[in-house]
Amino acid sequence: MIKKEQETFDKKKKARFPCPIIPESFLVIPNLDEKDKENAVVRLVAYKHQLDDIIKVMRKNGFAARTFIYNQEKWQEEKKQREILR
């Protein structure tokens, strides 16, 4: 049983990229409220299959990490709905 788990772990380890976050994707969004200087919104772009690992690490280090997966078709549908509501 331990051997199977070790093999599974080794396969996952080989599938990982050396850097799961895409280089130069780090962006700090400026805070509009000057009273709140302790908090910030930060955008990171990561590979989809490594997302869970990144979120675990971020939360372990005290960050409130959230996922956002862009879907162009869904965005187009929502855009049409917004135009209808206007």
Protein backbone atom coordinates (compact mmCIF):
# COMPACT_ATOMS: atom_id res chain seq x y z
CA MET A 1 0.00 0.00 0.00
CA ILE A 2 2.80 2.41 0.87
CA LYS A 3 4.55 1.55 -2.38
CA LYS A 4 1.45 2.53 -4.41
CA GLU A 5 1.18 5.83 -2.56
CA GLN A 6 4.86 6.53 -3.14
CA GLU A 7 4.48 5.81 -6.86
CA THR A 8 1.46 8.10 -7.06
CA PHE A 9 3.38 10.83 -5.24
CA ASP A 10 6.36 10.44 -7.56
CA LYS A 11 4.12 10.74 -10.65
CA LYS A 12 2.51 13.90 -9.30
CA LYS A 13 5.91 15.31 -8.39
CA LYS A 14 7.23 14.76 -11.93
CA ALA A 15 4.13 16.44 -13.41
CA ARG A 16 4.73 19.64 -11.46
CA PHE A 17 6.38 22.62 -13.04
CA PRO A 18 9.38 24.17 -11.33
CA CYS A 19 7.41 27.42 -11.02
CA PRO A 20 3.61 26.97 -10.86
CA ILE A 21 2.97 30.73 -11.00
CA ILE A 22 3.35 32.29 -14.43
CA PRO A 23 6.30 34.72 -14.43
CA GLU A 24 5.49 38.44 -14.44
CA SER A 25 1.81 37.79 -13.62
CA PHE A 26 2.03 39.28 -10.12
CA LEU A 27 -0.04 42.48 -10.00
CA VAL A 28 -1.01 44.55 -6.97
CA ILE A 29 -4.29 46.34 -7.65
CA PRO A 30 -4.17 49.80 -6.08
CA ASN A 31 -6.42 50.36 -3.08
CA LEU A 32 -8.93 53.16 -3.67
CA ASP A 33 -9.64 53.64 0.03
CA GLU A 34 -6.75 55.43 1.73
CA LYS A 35 -8.01 54.42 5.19
CA ASP A 36 -7.39 50.75 4.48
CA LYS A 37 -3.64 50.55 3.95
CA GLU A 38 -3.15 47.13 5.55
CA ASN A 39 -5.08 45.21 2.88
CA ALA A 40 -4.44 44.82 -0.82
CA VAL A 41 -5.80 42.89 -3.77
CA VAL A 42 -3.17 40.90 -5.62
CA ARG A 43 -3.56 39.00 -8.87
CA LEU A 44 -1.49 35.93 -9.67
CA VAL A 45 -1.85 33.76 -12.74
CA ALA A 46 -1.12 30.07 -12.24
CA TYR A 47 -1.39 26.85 -14.15
CA LYS A 48 -4.83 25.31 -13.70
CA HIS A 49 -3.71 21.87 -12.54
CA GLN A 50 -1.48 23.42 -9.85
CA LEU A 51 -4.15 25.78 -8.52
CA ASP A 52 -5.11 23.73 -5.46
CA ASP A 53 -1.51 23.49 -4.27
CA ILE A 54 -0.97 27.22 -4.67
CA ILE A 55 -4.13 28.08 -2.76
CA LYS A 56 -3.16 25.75 0.09
CA VAL A 57 0.24 27.42 0.37
CA MET A 58 -1.25 30.91 0.21
CA ARG A 59 -3.80 30.13 2.94
CA LYS A 60 -1.14 28.49 5.09
CA ASN A 61 0.84 31.76 4.89
CA GLY A 62 -2.16 33.86 5.95
CA PHE A 63 -3.51 35.06 2.62
CA ALA A 64 -7.19 34.84 1.64
CA ALA A 65 -6.74 33.19 -1.75
CA ARG A 66 -9.66 32.75 -4.15
CA THR A 67 -9.91 31.05 -7.52
CA PHE A 68 -11.16 32.63 -10.69
CA ILE A 69 -11.22 30.61 -13.87
CA TYR A 70 -11.91 32.63 -17.00
CA ASN A 71 -14.47 31.16 -19.38
CA GLN A 72 -14.92 33.21 -22.55
CA GLU A 73 -18.26 31.64 -23.54
CA LYS A 74 -19.79 32.29 -20.13
CA TRP A 75 -18.45 35.84 -20.17
CA GLN A 76 -20.05 36.47 -23.58
CA GLU A 77 -23.41 35.18 -22.28
CA GLU A 78 -23.23 37.46 -19.24
CA LYS A 79 -22.30 40.39 -21.49
CA LYS A 80 -25.42 39.79 -23.62
CA GLN A 81 -27.57 39.62 -20.48
CA ARG A 82 -26.14 42.92 -19.22
CA GLU A 83 -26.92 44.58 -22.56
CA ILE A 84 -30.52 43.27 -22.40
CA LEU A 85 -30.98 44.66 -18.89
CA ARG A 86 -29.88 48.13 -19.97
